[in-house]
Amino acid sequence: TGGITDGIMKINLEPGWRMTKRTYNGQTLGHIYFTNDSSE
């Protein structure tokens, strides 16, 4: 979050991380991934 305060805070993703949607048999599902293409 870059700090702490009262209330709801935005989470900033680290470099290399992004959000994607899960798919199955070509169909897009509602499940969301925190995705990184690297294992390092």
PDB file of all heavy atoms in Angstrom:
ATOM      1  N   THR A   1       0.815  -1.219   0.000  1.00  0.00           N
ATOM      2  CA  THR A   1       0.000   0.000   0.000  1.00  0.00           C
ATOM      3  C   THR A   1       0.846   1.266   0.000  1.00  0.00           C
ATOM      4  O   THR A   1       0.353   2.341  -0.344  1.00  0.00           O
ATOM      5  CB  THR A   1      -0.928   0.027   1.224  1.00  0.00           C
ATOM      6  OG1 THR A   1      -0.121  -0.023   2.416  1.00  0.00           O
ATOM      7  CG2 THR A   1      -1.894  -1.150   1.202  1.00  0.00           C
ATOM      8  N   GLY A   2       2.114   1.172   0.402  1.00  0.00           N
ATOM      9  CA  GLY A   2       2.961   2.363   0.454  1.00  0.00           C
ATOM     10  C   GLY A   2       2.776   3.157   1.727  1.00  0.00           C
ATOM     11  O   GLY A   2       3.184   4.325   1.808  1.00  0.00           O
ATOM     12  N   GLY A   3       2.160   2.572   2.726  1.00  0.00           N
ATOM     13  CA  GLY A   3       1.909   3.250   3.993  1.00  0.00           C
ATOM     14  C   GLY A   3       0.666   2.677   4.636  1.00  0.00           C
ATOM     15  O   GLY A   3       0.040   1.764   4.088  1.00  0.00           O
ATOM     16  N   ILE A   4       0.300   3.200   5.779  1.00  0.00           N
ATOM     17  CA  ILE A   4      -0.880   2.696   6.473  1.00  0.00           C
ATOM     18  C   ILE A   4      -1.732   3.865   6.946  1.00  0.00           C
ATOM     19  O   ILE A   4      -1.211   4.868   7.468  1.00  0.00           O
ATOM     20  CB  ILE A   4      -0.483   1.820   7.672  1.00  0.00           C
ATOM     21  CG1 ILE A   4       0.207   0.532   7.191  1.00  0.00           C
ATOM     22  CG2 ILE A   4      -1.711   1.450   8.501  1.00  0.00           C
ATOM     23  CD1 ILE A   4       0.658  -0.386   8.306  1.00  0.00           C
ATOM     24  N   THR A   5      -3.012   3.759   6.733  1.00  0.00           N
ATOM     25  CA  THR A   5      -3.956   4.753   7.203  1.00  0.00           C
ATOM     26  C   THR A   5      -5.279   4.066   7.524  1.00  0.00           C
ATOM     27  O   THR A   5      -5.450   2.881   7.213  1.00  0.00           O
ATOM     28  CB  THR A   5      -4.182   5.852   6.138  1.00  0.00           C
ATOM     29  OG1 THR A   5      -4.968   6.908   6.700  1.00  0.00           O
ATOM     30  CG2 THR A   5      -4.879   5.292   4.911  1.00  0.00           C
ATOM     31  N   ASP A   6      -6.185   4.810   8.137  1.00  0.00           N
ATOM     32  CA  ASP A   6      -7.500   4.249   8.408  1.00  0.00           C
ATOM     33  C   ASP A   6      -8.281   4.121   7.100  1.00  0.00           C
ATOM     34  O   ASP A   6      -8.077   4.878   6.151  1.00  0.00           O
ATOM     35  CB  ASP A   6      -8.275   5.158   9.376  1.00  0.00           C
ATOM     36  CG  ASP A   6      -7.624   5.203  10.753  1.00  0.00           C
ATOM     37  OD1 ASP A   6      -6.960   4.216  11.108  1.00  0.00           O
ATOM     38  OD2 ASP A   6      -7.778   6.229  11.444  1.00  0.00           O
ATOM     39  N   GLY A   7      -9.172   3.164   7.053  1.00  0.00           N
ATOM     40  CA  GLY A   7     -10.010   2.996   5.873  1.00  0.00           C
ATOM     41  C   GLY A   7      -9.438   2.015   4.876  1.00  0.00           C
ATOM     42  O   GLY A   7      -8.466   1.291   5.132  1.00  0.00           O
ATOM     43  N   ILE A   8     -10.035   1.996   3.698  1.00  0.00           N
ATOM     44  CA  ILE A   8      -9.663   1.058   2.627  1.00  0.00           C
ATOM     45  C   ILE A   8      -8.498   1.631   1.833  1.00  0.00           C
ATOM     46  O   ILE A   8      -8.538   2.789   1.396  1.00  0.00           O
ATOM     47  CB  ILE A   8     -10.868   0.798   1.707  1.00  0.00           C
ATOM     48  CG1 ILE A   8     -12.018   0.194   2.535  1.00  0.00           C
ATOM     49  CG2 ILE A   8     -10.496  -0.126   0.553  1.00  0.00           C
ATOM     50  CD1 ILE A   8     -13.316   0.034   1.762  1.00  0.00           C
ATOM     51  N   MET A   9      -7.479   0.808   1.612  1.00  0.00           N
ATOM     52  CA  MET A   9      -6.278   1.270   0.921  1.00  0.00           C
ATOM     53  C   MET A   9      -6.052   0.514  -0.395  1.00  0.00           C
ATOM     54  O   MET A   9      -6.337  -0.680  -0.487  1.00  0.00           O
ATOM     55  CB  MET A   9      -5.051   1.080   1.818  1.00  0.00           C
ATOM     56  CG  MET A   9      -5.085   1.876   3.106  1.00  0.00           C
ATOM     57  SD  MET A   9      -3.644   1.562   4.167  1.00  0.00           S
ATOM     58  CE  MET A   9      -4.011  -0.101   4.759  1.00  0.00           C
ATOM     59  N   LYS A  10      -5.524   1.220  -1.369  1.00  0.00           N
ATOM     60  CA  LYS A  10      -5.174   0.601  -2.654  1.00  0.00           C
ATOM     61  C   LYS A  10      -3.863  -0.173  -2.509  1.00  0.00           C
ATOM     62  O   LYS A  10      -2.921   0.283  -1.858  1.00  0.00           O
ATOM     63  CB  LYS A  10      -5.015   1.669  -3.735  1.00  0.00           C
ATOM     64  CG  LYS A  10      -4.582   1.116  -5.089  1.00  0.00           C
ATOM     65  CD  LYS A  10      -4.398   2.236  -6.110  1.00  0.00           C
ATOM     66  CE  LYS A  10      -3.932   1.672  -7.451  1.00  0.00           C
ATOM     67  NZ  LYS A  10      -3.768   2.759  -8.468  1.00  0.00           N
ATOM     68  N   ILE A  11      -3.806  -1.352  -3.138  1.00  0.00           N
ATOM     69  CA  ILE A  11      -2.588  -2.152  -3.157  1.00  0.00           C
ATOM     70  C   ILE A  11      -1.921  -1.977  -4.518  1.00  0.00           C
ATOM     71  O   ILE A  11      -2.515  -2.280  -5.560  1.00  0.00           O
ATOM     72  CB  ILE A  11      -2.893  -3.645  -2.905  1.00  0.00           C
ATOM     73  CG1 ILE A  11      -3.550  -3.825  -1.540  1.00  0.00           C
ATOM     74  CG2 ILE A  11      -1.620  -4.476  -3.002  1.00  0.00           C
ATOM     75  CD1 ILE A  11      -4.099  -5.210  -1.305  1.00  0.00           C
ATOM     76  N   ASN A  12      -0.704  -1.454  -4.510  1.00  0.00           N
ATOM     77  CA  ASN A  12       0.061  -1.290  -5.740  1.00  0.00           C
ATOM     78  C   ASN A  12       0.897  -2.543  -5.973  1.00  0.00           C
ATOM     79  O   ASN A  12       1.659  -2.960  -5.086  1.00  0.00           O
ATOM     80  CB  ASN A  12       0.978  -0.071  -5.634  1.00  0.00           C
ATOM     81  CG  ASN A  12       0.200   1.209  -5.371  1.00  0.00           C
ATOM     82  OD1 ASN A  12      -0.533   1.687  -6.224  1.00  0.00           O
ATOM     83  ND2 ASN A  12       0.360   1.758  -4.159  1.00  0.00           N
ATOM     84  N   LEU A  13       0.753  -3.131  -7.157  1.00  0.00           N
ATOM     85  CA  LEU A  13       1.477  -4.368  -7.451  1.00  0.00           C
ATOM     86  C   LEU A  13       2.947  -4.092  -7.747  1.00  0.00           C
ATOM     87  O   LEU A  13       3.300  -3.070  -8.339  1.00  0.00           O
ATOM     88  CB  LEU A  13       0.824  -5.091  -8.631  1.00  0.00           C
ATOM     89  CG  LEU A  13      -0.636  -5.502  -8.450  1.00  0.00           C
ATOM     90  CD1 LEU A  13      -1.104  -6.328  -9.643  1.00  0.00           C
ATOM     91  CD2 LEU A  13      -0.858  -6.270  -7.151  1.00  0.00           C
ATOM     92  N   GLU A  14       3.779  -5.020  -7.327  1.00  0.00           N
ATOM     93  CA  GLU A  14       5.208  -4.936  -7.578  1.00  0.00           C
ATOM     94  C   GLU A  14       5.486  -5.096  -9.072  1.00  0.00           C
ATOM     95  O   GLU A  14       4.686  -5.696  -9.809  1.00  0.00           O
ATOM     96  CB  GLU A  14       5.939  -6.032  -6.792  1.00  0.00           C
ATOM     97  CG  GLU A  14       5.923  -5.849  -5.284  1.00  0.00           C
ATOM     98  CD  GLU A  14       6.804  -4.702  -4.854  1.00  0.00           C
ATOM     99  OE1 GLU A  14       7.959  -4.612  -5.314  1.00  0.00           O
ATOM    100  OE2 GLU A  14       6.316  -3.871  -4.060  1.00  0.00           O
ATOM    101  N   PRO A  15       6.628  -4.565  -9.561  1.00  0.00           N
ATOM    102  CA  PRO A  15       6.986  -4.731 -10.972  1.00  0.00           C
ATOM    103  C   PRO A  15       6.971  -6.211 -11.373  1.00  0.00           C
ATOM    104  O   PRO A  15       7.472  -7.067 -10.638  1.00  0.00           O
ATOM    105  CB  PRO A  15       8.406  -4.150 -11.048  1.00  0.00           C
ATOM    106  CG  PRO A  15       8.459  -3.150  -9.930  1.00  0.00           C
ATOM    107  CD  PRO A  15       7.628  -3.748  -8.828  1.00  0.00           C
ATOM    108  N   GLY A  16       6.401  -6.487 -12.530  1.00  0.00           N
ATOM    109  CA  GLY A  16       6.306  -7.858 -13.035  1.00  0.00           C
ATOM    110  C   GLY A  16       4.994  -8.536 -12.699  1.00  0.00           C
ATOM    111  O   GLY A  16       4.662  -9.561 -13.299  1.00  0.00           O
ATOM    112  N   TRP A  17       4.251  -7.966 -11.758  1.00  0.00           N
ATOM    113  CA  TRP A  17       2.964  -8.545 -11.383  1.00  0.00           C
ATOM    114  C   TRP A  17       1.825  -7.803 -12.075  1.00  0.00           C
ATOM    115  O   TRP A  17       1.883  -6.600 -12.272  1.00  0.00           O
ATOM    116  CB  TRP A  17       2.757  -8.471  -9.864  1.00  0.00           C
ATOM    117  CG  TRP A  17       3.605  -9.427  -9.089  1.00  0.00           C
ATOM    118  CD1 TRP A  17       4.828  -9.173  -8.528  1.00  0.00           C
ATOM    119  CD2 TRP A  17       3.293 -10.789  -8.795  1.00  0.00           C
ATOM    120  NE1 TRP A  17       5.303 -10.301  -7.896  1.00  0.00           N
ATOM    121  CE2 TRP A  17       4.376 -11.308  -8.037  1.00  0.00           C
ATOM    122  CE3 TRP A  17       2.224 -11.625  -9.082  1.00  0.00           C
ATOM    123  CZ2 TRP A  17       4.420 -12.622  -7.574  1.00  0.00           C
ATOM    124  CZ3 TRP A  17       2.243 -12.934  -8.616  1.00  0.00           C
ATOM    125  CH2 TRP A  17       3.331 -13.417  -7.871  1.00  0.00           C
ATOM    126  N   ARG A  18       0.800  -8.538 -12.433  1.00  0.00           N
ATOM    127  CA  ARG A  18      -0.398  -7.969 -13.045  1.00  0.00           C
ATOM    128  C   ARG A  18      -1.570  -8.883 -12.748  1.00  0.00           C
ATOM    129  O   ARG A  18      -1.389  -9.998 -12.247  1.00  0.00           O
ATOM    130  CB  ARG A  18      -0.226  -7.823 -14.564  1.00  0.00           C
ATOM    131  CG  ARG A  18      -0.113  -9.151 -15.307  1.00  0.00           C
ATOM    132  CD  ARG A  18       0.284  -8.942 -16.752  1.00  0.00           C
ATOM    133  NE  ARG A  18       0.264 -10.178 -17.542  1.00  0.00           N
ATOM    134  CZ  ARG A  18       1.210 -11.117 -17.507  1.00  0.00           C
ATOM    135  NH1 ARG A  18       2.257 -10.975 -16.724  1.00  0.00           N
ATOM    136  NH2 ARG A  18       1.117 -12.189 -18.276  1.00  0.00           N
ATOM    137  N   MET A  19      -2.755  -8.445 -13.083  1.00  0.00           N
ATOM    138  CA  MET A  19      -3.935  -9.279 -12.921  1.00  0.00           C
ATOM    139  C   MET A  19      -4.367  -9.832 -14.273  1.00  0.00           C
ATOM    140  O   MET A  19      -4.301  -9.139 -15.292  1.00  0.00           O
ATOM    141  CB  MET A  19      -5.078  -8.485 -12.284  1.00  0.00           C
ATOM    142  CG  MET A  19      -4.816  -8.104 -10.845  1.00  0.00           C
ATOM    143  SD  MET A  19      -6.260  -7.378 -10.050  1.00  0.00           S
ATOM    144  CE  MET A  19      -5.519  -5.980  -9.229  1.00  0.00           C
ATOM    145  N   THR A  20      -4.784 -11.104 -14.262  1.00  0.00           N
ATOM    146  CA  THR A  20      -5.326 -11.757 -15.448  1.00  0.00           C
ATOM    147  C   THR A  20      -6.571 -12.536 -15.033  1.00  0.00           C
ATOM    148  O   THR A  20      -6.827 -12.714 -13.844  1.00  0.00           O
ATOM    149  CB  THR A  20      -4.305 -12.714 -16.100  1.00  0.00           C
ATOM    150  OG1 THR A  20      -3.984 -13.760 -15.167  1.00  0.00           O
ATOM    151  CG2 THR A  20      -3.037 -11.981 -16.516  1.00  0.00           C
ATOM    152  N   LYS A  21      -7.317 -13.009 -16.032  1.00  0.00           N
ATOM    153  CA  LYS A  21      -8.498 -13.822 -15.757  1.00  0.00           C
ATOM    154  C   LYS A  21      -8.199 -15.292 -16.062  1.00  0.00           C
ATOM    155  O   LYS A  21      -7.482 -15.616 -17.011  1.00  0.00           O
ATOM    156  CB  LYS A  21      -9.684 -13.364 -16.626  1.00  0.00           C
ATOM    157  CG  LYS A  21     -10.421 -12.127 -16.109  1.00  0.00           C
ATOM    158  CD  LYS A  21     -11.257 -12.476 -14.901  1.00  0.00           C
ATOM    159  CE  LYS A  21     -12.205 -11.360 -14.480  1.00  0.00           C
ATOM    160  NZ  LYS A  21     -13.375 -11.263 -15.367  1.00  0.00           N
ATOM    161  N   ARG A  22      -8.756 -16.174 -15.275  1.00  0.00           N
ATOM    162  CA  ARG A  22      -8.615 -17.612 -15.503  1.00  0.00           C
ATOM    163  C   ARG A  22      -9.487 -18.029 -16.679  1.00  0.00           C
ATOM    164  O   ARG A  22     -10.612 -17.542 -16.849  1.00  0.00           O
ATOM    165  CB  ARG A  22      -9.013 -18.386 -14.256  1.00  0.00           C
ATOM    166  CG  ARG A  22      -9.071 -19.896 -14.443  1.00  0.00           C
ATOM    167  CD  ARG A  22      -9.584 -20.587 -13.196  1.00  0.00           C
ATOM    168  NE  ARG A  22      -8.556 -20.699 -12.162  1.00  0.00           N
ATOM    169  CZ  ARG A  22      -8.772 -21.174 -10.946  1.00  0.00           C
ATOM    170  NH1 ARG A  22      -9.994 -21.562 -10.590  1.00  0.00           N
ATOM    171  NH2 ARG A  22      -7.788 -21.256 -10.057  1.00  0.00           N
ATOM    172  N   THR A  23      -8.973 -18.955 -17.493  1.00  0.00           N
ATOM    173  CA  THR A  23      -9.751 -19.524 -18.595  1.00  0.00           C
ATOM    174  C   THR A  23      -9.760 -21.047 -18.477  1.00  0.00           C
ATOM    175  O   THR A  23      -8.856 -21.652 -17.897  1.00  0.00           O
ATOM    176  CB  THR A  23      -9.168 -19.132 -19.962  1.00  0.00           C
ATOM    177  OG1 THR A  23      -7.834 -19.683 -20.099  1.00  0.00           O
ATOM    178  CG2 THR A  23      -9.127 -17.626 -20.135  1.00  0.00           C
ATOM    179  N   TYR A  24     -10.801 -21.654 -19.068  1.00  0.00           N
ATOM    180  CA  TYR A  24     -10.905 -23.114 -19.100  1.00  0.00           C
ATOM    181  C   TYR A  24     -11.622 -23.502 -20.384  1.00  0.00           C
ATOM    182  O   TYR A  24     -12.732 -23.050 -20.634  1.00  0.00           O
ATOM    183  CB  TYR A  24     -11.673 -23.636 -17.891  1.00  0.00           C
ATOM    184  CG  TYR A  24     -11.832 -25.141 -17.878  1.00  0.00           C
ATOM    185  CD1 TYR A  24     -10.728 -25.972 -17.738  1.00  0.00           C
ATOM    186  CD2 TYR A  24     -13.084 -25.727 -18.039  1.00  0.00           C
ATOM    187  CE1 TYR A  24     -10.854 -27.345 -17.730  1.00  0.00           C
ATOM    188  CE2 TYR A  24     -13.222 -27.104 -18.033  1.00  0.00           C
ATOM    189  CZ  TYR A  24     -12.109 -27.914 -17.872  1.00  0.00           C
ATOM    190  OH  TYR A  24     -12.237 -29.283 -17.884  1.00  0.00           O
ATOM    191  N   ASN A  25     -10.953 -24.317 -21.201  1.00  0.00           N
ATOM    192  CA  ASN A  25     -11.505 -24.737 -22.494  1.00  0.00           C
ATOM    193  C   ASN A  25     -11.944 -23.540 -23.329  1.00  0.00           C
ATOM    194  O   ASN A  25     -13.005 -23.548 -23.964  1.00  0.00           O
ATOM    195  CB  ASN A  25     -12.687 -25.687 -22.295  1.00  0.00           C
ATOM    196  CG  ASN A  25     -12.245 -27.082 -21.883  1.00  0.00           C
ATOM    197  OD1 ASN A  25     -11.086 -27.457 -22.078  1.00  0.00           O
ATOM    198  ND2 ASN A  25     -13.148 -27.862 -21.314  1.00  0.00           N
ATOM    199  N   GLY A  26     -11.143 -22.505 -23.304  1.00  0.00           N
ATOM    200  CA  GLY A  26     -11.425 -21.332 -24.121  1.00  0.00           C
ATOM    201  C   GLY A  26     -12.442 -20.371 -23.525  1.00  0.00           C
ATOM    202  O   GLY A  26     -12.715 -19.323 -24.116  1.00  0.00           O
ATOM    203  N   GLN A  27     -12.990 -20.708 -22.365  1.00  0.00           N
ATOM    204  CA  GLN A  27     -13.993 -19.849 -21.741  1.00  0.00           C
ATOM    205  C   GLN A  27     -13.357 -19.036 -20.619  1.00  0.00           C
ATOM    206  O   GLN A  27     -12.629 -19.562 -19.792  1.00  0.00           O
ATOM    207  CB  GLN A  27     -15.144 -20.689 -21.181  1.00  0.00           C
ATOM    208  CG  GLN A  27     -16.238 -19.877 -20.516  1.00  0.00           C
ATOM    209  CD  GLN A  27     -17.357 -20.750 -19.957  1.00  0.00           C
ATOM    210  OE1 GLN A  27     -17.292 -21.979 -20.061  1.00  0.00           O
ATOM    211  NE2 GLN A  27     -18.363 -20.143 -19.372  1.00  0.00           N
ATOM    212  N   THR A  28     -13.652 -17.734 -20.605  1.00  0.00           N
ATOM    213  CA  THR A  28     -13.117 -16.863 -19.560  1.00  0.00           C
ATOM    214  C   THR A  28     -13.975 -16.978 -18.310  1.00  0.00           C
ATOM    215  O   THR A  28     -15.196 -16.836 -18.369  1.00  0.00           O
ATOM    216  CB  THR A  28     -13.088 -15.399 -20.039  1.00  0.00           C
ATOM    217  OG1 THR A  28     -12.297 -15.308 -21.232  1.00  0.00           O
ATOM    218  CG2 THR A  28     -12.480 -14.500 -18.977  1.00  0.00           C
ATOM    219  N   LEU A  29     -13.318 -17.235 -17.181  1.00  0.00           N
ATOM    220  CA  LEU A  29     -14.012 -17.385 -15.907  1.00  0.00           C
ATOM    221  C   LEU A  29     -13.882 -16.112 -15.078  1.00  0.00           C
ATOM    222  O   LEU A  29     -13.128 -15.206 -15.419  1.00  0.00           O
ATOM    223  CB  LEU A  29     -13.437 -18.583 -15.142  1.00  0.00           C
ATOM    224  CG  LEU A  29     -13.375 -19.906 -15.914  1.00  0.00           C
ATOM    225  CD1 LEU A  29     -12.760 -20.998 -15.042  1.00  0.00           C
ATOM    226  CD2 LEU A  29     -14.766 -20.324 -16.383  1.00  0.00           C
ATOM    227  N   GLY A  30     -14.605 -16.060 -13.985  1.00  0.00           N
ATOM    228  CA  GLY A  30     -14.564 -14.878 -13.129  1.00  0.00           C
ATOM    229  C   GLY A  30     -13.352 -14.831 -12.216  1.00  0.00           C
ATOM    230  O   GLY A  30     -13.025 -13.779 -11.666  1.00  0.00           O
ATOM    231  N   HIS A  31     -12.675 -15.963 -12.044  1.00  0.00           N
ATOM    232  CA  HIS A  31     -11.524 -16.045 -11.142  1.00  0.00           C
ATOM    233  C   HIS A  31     -10.384 -15.158 -11.652  1.00  0.00           C
ATOM    234  O   HIS A  31     -10.073 -15.127 -12.837  1.00  0.00           O
ATOM    235  CB  HIS A  31     -11.058 -17.491 -11.058  1.00  0.00           C
ATOM    236  CG  HIS A  31     -10.088 -17.748  -9.961  1.00  0.00           C
ATOM    237  ND1 HIS A  31     -10.478 -18.166  -8.702  1.00  0.00           N
ATOM    238  CD2 HIS A  31      -8.739 -17.665  -9.922  1.00  0.00           C
ATOM    239  CE1 HIS A  31      -9.410 -18.327  -7.939  1.00  0.00           C
ATOM    240  NE2 HIS A  31      -8.341 -18.027  -8.666  1.00  0.00           N
ATOM    241  N   ILE A  32      -9.745 -14.454 -10.720  1.00  0.00           N
ATOM    242  CA  ILE A  32      -8.679 -13.502 -11.060  1.00  0.00           C
ATOM    243  C   ILE A  32      -7.343 -14.026 -10.538  1.00  0.00           C
ATOM    244  O   ILE A  32      -7.243 -14.491  -9.396  1.00  0.00           O
ATOM    245  CB  ILE A  32      -8.974 -12.117 -10.458  1.00  0.00           C
ATOM    246  CG1 ILE A  32     -10.308 -11.586 -11.001  1.00  0.00           C
ATOM    247  CG2 ILE A  32      -7.853 -11.133 -10.763  1.00  0.00           C
ATOM    248  CD1 ILE A  32     -10.833 -10.383 -10.251  1.00  0.00           C
ATOM    249  N   TYR A  33      -6.337 -13.919 -11.389  1.00  0.00           N
ATOM    250  CA  TYR A  33      -4.977 -14.305 -10.995  1.00  0.00           C
ATOM    251  C   TYR A  33      -4.136 -13.069 -10.691  1.00  0.00           C
ATOM    252  O   TYR A  33      -4.219 -12.057 -11.395  1.00  0.00           O
ATOM    253  CB  TYR A  33      -4.274 -15.051 -12.134  1.00  0.00           C
ATOM    254  CG  TYR A  33      -4.706 -16.464 -12.387  1.00  0.00           C
ATOM    255  CD1 TYR A  33      -5.086 -16.871 -13.662  1.00  0.00           C
ATOM    256  CD2 TYR A  33      -4.694 -17.418 -11.367  1.00  0.00           C
ATOM    257  CE1 TYR A  33      -5.460 -18.185 -13.913  1.00  0.00           C
ATOM    258  CE2 TYR A  33      -5.066 -18.727 -11.613  1.00  0.00           C
ATOM    259  CZ  TYR A  33      -5.443 -19.103 -12.890  1.00  0.00           C
ATOM    260  OH  TYR A  33      -5.813 -20.404 -13.140  1.00  0.00           O
ATOM    261  N   PHE A  34      -3.284 -13.169  -9.654  1.00  0.00           N
ATOM    262  CA  PHE A  34      -2.136 -12.290  -9.535  1.00  0.00           C
ATOM    263  C   PHE A  34      -1.032 -13.021 -10.292  1.00  0.00           C
ATOM    264  O   PHE A  34      -0.544 -14.064  -9.843  1.00  0.00           O
ATOM    265  CB  PHE A  34      -1.763 -12.071  -8.069  1.00  0.00           C
ATOM    266  CG  PHE A  34      -2.732 -11.181  -7.329  1.00  0.00           C
ATOM    267  CD1 PHE A  34      -3.713 -11.735  -6.529  1.00  0.00           C
ATOM    268  CD2 PHE A  34      -2.653  -9.799  -7.452  1.00  0.00           C
ATOM    269  CE1 PHE A  34      -4.608 -10.923  -5.848  1.00  0.00           C
ATOM    270  CE2 PHE A  34      -3.550  -8.980  -6.777  1.00  0.00           C
ATOM    271  CZ  PHE A  34      -4.539  -9.538  -5.976  1.00  0.00           C
ATOM    272  N   THR A  35      -0.662 -12.483 -11.429  1.00  0.00           N
ATOM    273  CA  THR A  35       0.159 -13.213 -12.401  1.00  0.00           C
ATOM    274  C   THR A  35       1.560 -12.616 -12.510  1.00  0.00           C
ATOM    275  O   THR A  35       1.744 -11.394 -12.561  1.00  0.00           O
ATOM    276  CB  THR A  35      -0.510 -13.186 -13.778  1.00  0.00           C
ATOM    277  OG1 THR A  35      -1.816 -13.759 -13.680  1.00  0.00           O
ATOM    278  CG2 THR A  35       0.305 -13.957 -14.808  1.00  0.00           C
ATOM    279  N   ASN A  36       2.540 -13.518 -12.581  1.00  0.00           N
ATOM    280  CA  ASN A  36       3.919 -13.127 -12.878  1.00  0.00           C
ATOM    281  C   ASN A  36       4.500 -14.182 -13.790  1.00  0.00           C
ATOM    282  O   ASN A  36       4.379 -15.383 -13.515  1.00  0.00           O
ATOM    283  CB  ASN A  36       4.741 -13.005 -11.593  1.00  0.00           C
ATOM    284  CG  ASN A  36       6.018 -12.198 -11.788  1.00  0.00           C
ATOM    285  OD1 ASN A  36       6.789 -12.461 -12.719  1.00  0.00           O
ATOM    286  ND2 ASN A  36       6.250 -11.225 -10.926  1.00  0.00           N
ATOM    287  N   ASP A  37       5.125 -13.763 -14.876  1.00  0.00           N
ATOM    288  CA  ASP A  37       5.646 -14.712 -15.859  1.00  0.00           C
ATOM    289  C   ASP A  37       6.979 -15.326 -15.441  1.00  0.00           C
ATOM    290  O   ASP A  37       7.453 -16.278 -16.077  1.00  0.00           O
ATOM    291  CB  ASP A  37       5.811 -14.022 -17.216  1.00  0.00           C
ATOM    292  CG  ASP A  37       4.473 -13.580 -17.798  1.00  0.00           C
ATOM    293  OD1 ASP A  37       3.462 -14.257 -17.521  1.00  0.00           O
ATOM    294  OD2 ASP A  37       4.444 -12.559 -18.503  1.00  0.00           O
ATOM    295  N   SER A  38       7.569 -14.808 -14.401  1.00  0.00           N
ATOM    296  CA  SER A  38       8.877 -15.289 -13.952  1.00  0.00           C
ATOM    297  C   SER A  38       8.734 -16.132 -12.695  1.00  0.00           C
ATOM    298  O   SER A  38       7.769 -16.017 -11.944  1.00  0.00           O
ATOM    299  CB  SER A  38       9.807 -14.105 -13.672  1.00  0.00           C
ATOM    300  OG  SER A  38      11.037 -14.550 -13.113  1.00  0.00           O
ATOM    301  N   SER A  39       9.700 -16.989 -12.478  1.00  0.00           N
ATOM    302  CA  SER A  39       9.732 -17.781 -11.246  1.00  0.00           C
ATOM    303  C   SER A  39      10.768 -17.205 -10.274  1.00  0.00           C
ATOM    304  O   SER A  39      10.865 -17.654  -9.128  1.00  0.00           O
ATOM    305  CB  SER A  39      10.063 -19.248 -11.559  1.00  0.00           C
ATOM    306  OG  SER A  39      11.301 -19.340 -12.248  1.00  0.00           O
ATOM    307  N   GLU A  40      11.540 -16.202 -10.748  1.00  0.00           N
ATOM    308  CA  GLU A  40      12.533 -15.523  -9.906  1.00  0.00           C
ATOM    309  C   GLU A  40      11.886 -14.258  -9.361  1.00  0.00           C
ATOM    310  O   GLU A  40      11.818 -13.234 -10.047  1.00  0.00           O
ATOM    311  CB  GLU A  40      13.803 -15.208 -10.706  1.00  0.00           C
ATOM    312  CG  GLU A  40      14.506 -16.426 -11.272  1.00  0.00           C
ATOM    313  CD  GLU A  40      15.052 -17.327 -10.164  1.00  0.00           C
ATOM    314  OE1 GLU A  40      15.439 -16.784  -9.101  1.00  0.00           O
ATOM    315  OE2 GLU A  40      15.071 -18.557 -10.356  1.00  0.00           O
TER     316      GLU A  40
END
